[in-house]
Amino acid sequence: QVQLVESGGGLVQPGGSLRLSCAASGFTFHTYSMSWYRQATGKEREEVAAITAAGDTTNYSDSVKGRFTISRDDAENTVYLQMNSLKVEDTAVYYCNAPFIGGRVYFQWGQGTQVTVSS
């Protein structure tokens, strides 16, 4: 059974940093591109970062570019999101998943991890 378990969220002040982790199991992790998504209250879920299966290419939404870094460790079946220079508008529940065509994802969503940026 596929599991995606996000962790590392919390309450931080603007300008602070967090590192999120996504522990994956139940599928051949190293063959899938992986992405981080976030959903703020009352808004659509959006993809913010992606990394190819080989780990050789990354992509970011304009809103996080230059501040967030996605990475993966295939030996640990884990994808990370390093978040620096956090802004209030980064407040959301953050999820990981394997991206599919048309903005869809391969697997059921995990519970996500809450990131709250507040002074």
Protein backbone atom coordinates (compact mmCIF):
# COMPACT_ATOMS: atom_id res chain seq x y z
CA GLN A 1 0.00 0.00 0.00
CA VAL A 2 1.36 3.40 -1.00
CA GLN A 3 2.07 5.77 1.84
CA LEU A 4 3.21 9.38 1.73
CA VAL A 5 4.02 10.81 5.13
CA GLU A 6 4.86 14.50 5.34
CA SER A 7 6.61 16.03 8.33
CA GLY A 8 8.63 19.04 9.40
CA GLY A 9 6.02 21.76 9.41
CA GLY A 10 5.46 24.20 12.22
CA LEU A 11 5.09 27.82 13.24
CA VAL A 12 7.81 30.20 12.07
CA GLN A 13 8.27 33.95 11.83
CA PRO A 14 8.53 35.73 8.48
CA GLY A 15 12.05 35.32 7.15
CA GLY A 16 12.51 32.01 8.90
CA SER A 17 13.24 28.57 7.49
CA LEU A 18 11.80 25.07 7.62
CA ARG A 19 12.77 21.77 6.06
CA LEU A 20 9.93 19.45 5.14
CA SER A 21 10.31 15.72 4.60
CA CYS A 22 8.14 13.26 2.70
CA ALA A 23 8.71 9.60 3.47
CA ALA A 24 7.40 7.38 0.68
CA SER A 25 6.70 3.65 0.64
CA GLY A 26 4.76 1.06 -1.32
CA PHE A 27 6.02 1.97 -4.79
CA THR A 28 9.27 2.12 -6.74
CA PHE A 29 10.17 5.58 -5.55
CA HIS A 30 13.24 6.09 -7.73
CA THR A 31 11.20 5.71 -10.95
CA TYR A 32 8.81 8.59 -10.17
CA SER A 33 9.14 12.31 -10.43
CA MET A 34 8.04 13.87 -7.16
CA SER A 35 6.43 17.18 -6.31
CA TRP A 36 5.50 19.31 -3.35
CA TYR A 37 2.07 20.90 -3.27
CA ARG A 38 0.42 23.29 -0.88
CA GLN A 39 -3.11 24.32 -0.08
CA ALA A 40 -3.98 27.45 1.82
CA THR A 41 -7.34 27.75 3.52
CA GLY A 42 -10.04 28.54 0.96
CA LYS A 43 -7.71 28.17 -2.01
CA GLU A 44 -6.93 25.53 -4.62
CA ARG A 45 -4.07 23.12 -4.10
CA GLU A 46 -1.05 24.25 -6.11
CA GLU A 47 2.19 22.59 -7.15
CA VAL A 48 5.17 24.54 -5.87
CA ALA A 49 8.17 22.34 -6.64
CA ALA A 50 9.01 19.26 -8.70
CA ILE A 51 11.99 17.00 -9.20
CA THR A 52 12.52 14.38 -11.89
CA ALA A 53 12.98 10.69 -11.13
CA ALA A 54 16.70 10.99 -11.86
CA GLY A 55 16.95 14.06 -9.66
CA ASP A 56 18.65 15.99 -12.43
CA THR A 57 15.98 18.61 -13.08
CA THR A 58 13.88 20.74 -10.75
CA ASN A 59 11.05 23.19 -11.34
CA TYR A 60 9.45 25.77 -9.08
CA SER A 61 6.44 28.00 -9.11
CA ASP A 62 7.18 31.70 -9.45
CA SER A 63 5.95 32.30 -5.93
CA VAL A 64 8.68 30.17 -4.33
CA LYS A 65 11.50 30.34 -6.87
CA GLY A 66 14.77 31.37 -5.27
CA ARG A 67 13.51 30.59 -1.77
CA PHE A 68 12.60 26.88 -1.83
CA THR A 69 14.73 23.90 -2.86
CA ILE A 70 13.41 20.42 -3.60
CA SER A 71 15.70 17.41 -3.31
CA ARG A 72 15.43 13.65 -3.03
CA ASP A 73 17.28 10.77 -1.42
CA ASP A 74 16.37 7.57 -3.25
CA ALA A 75 18.26 5.43 -0.73
CA GLU A 76 15.82 6.67 1.91
CA ASN A 77 12.75 7.00 -0.33
CA THR A 78 12.42 10.57 0.84
CA VAL A 79 11.85 13.91 -0.84
CA TYR A 80 12.66 17.17 0.92
CA LEU A 81 11.62 20.78 0.63
CA GLN A 82 13.98 23.34 2.10
CA MET A 83 12.05 26.57 2.63
CA ASN A 84 13.95 29.78 3.30
CA SER A 85 12.90 33.42 3.61
CA LEU A 86 9.39 32.34 4.48
CA LYS A 87 6.52 34.74 3.94
CA VAL A 88 3.08 34.94 5.50
CA GLU A 89 1.60 33.89 2.17
CA ASP A 90 3.50 30.60 2.37
CA THR A 91 1.11 29.53 5.13
CA ALA A 92 -0.58 26.33 3.96
CA VAL A 93 -0.76 22.59 4.38
CA TYR A 94 2.07 21.06 2.38
CA TYR A 95 1.77 17.70 0.62
CA CYS A 96 3.97 15.52 -1.55
CA ASN A 97 2.92 13.27 -4.41
CA ALA A 98 3.99 11.89 -7.77
CA PRO A 99 2.80 14.23 -10.53
CA PHE A 100 0.69 12.86 -13.37
CA ILE A 101 -0.67 14.39 -16.56
CA GLY A 102 -3.01 17.35 -16.35
CA GLY A 103 -2.08 18.33 -12.82
CA ARG A 104 -3.27 15.01 -11.42
CA VAL A 105 -1.26 12.80 -9.10
CA TYR A 106 -0.60 9.08 -8.99
CA PHE A 107 -1.36 8.37 -5.36
CA GLN A 108 -3.76 9.14 -2.58
CA TRP A 109 -2.91 12.28 -0.66
CA GLY A 110 -1.29 11.98 2.71
CA GLN A 111 -2.33 14.13 5.65
CA GLY A 112 0.16 16.85 4.84
CA THR A 113 2.10 19.02 7.24
CA GLN A 114 1.00 22.47 8.38
CA VAL A 115 3.29 25.42 7.80
CA THR A 116 2.26 28.64 9.50
CA VAL A 117 4.26 31.82 8.96
CA SER A 118 3.23 34.51 11.40
CA SER A 119 4.73 37.31 13.45
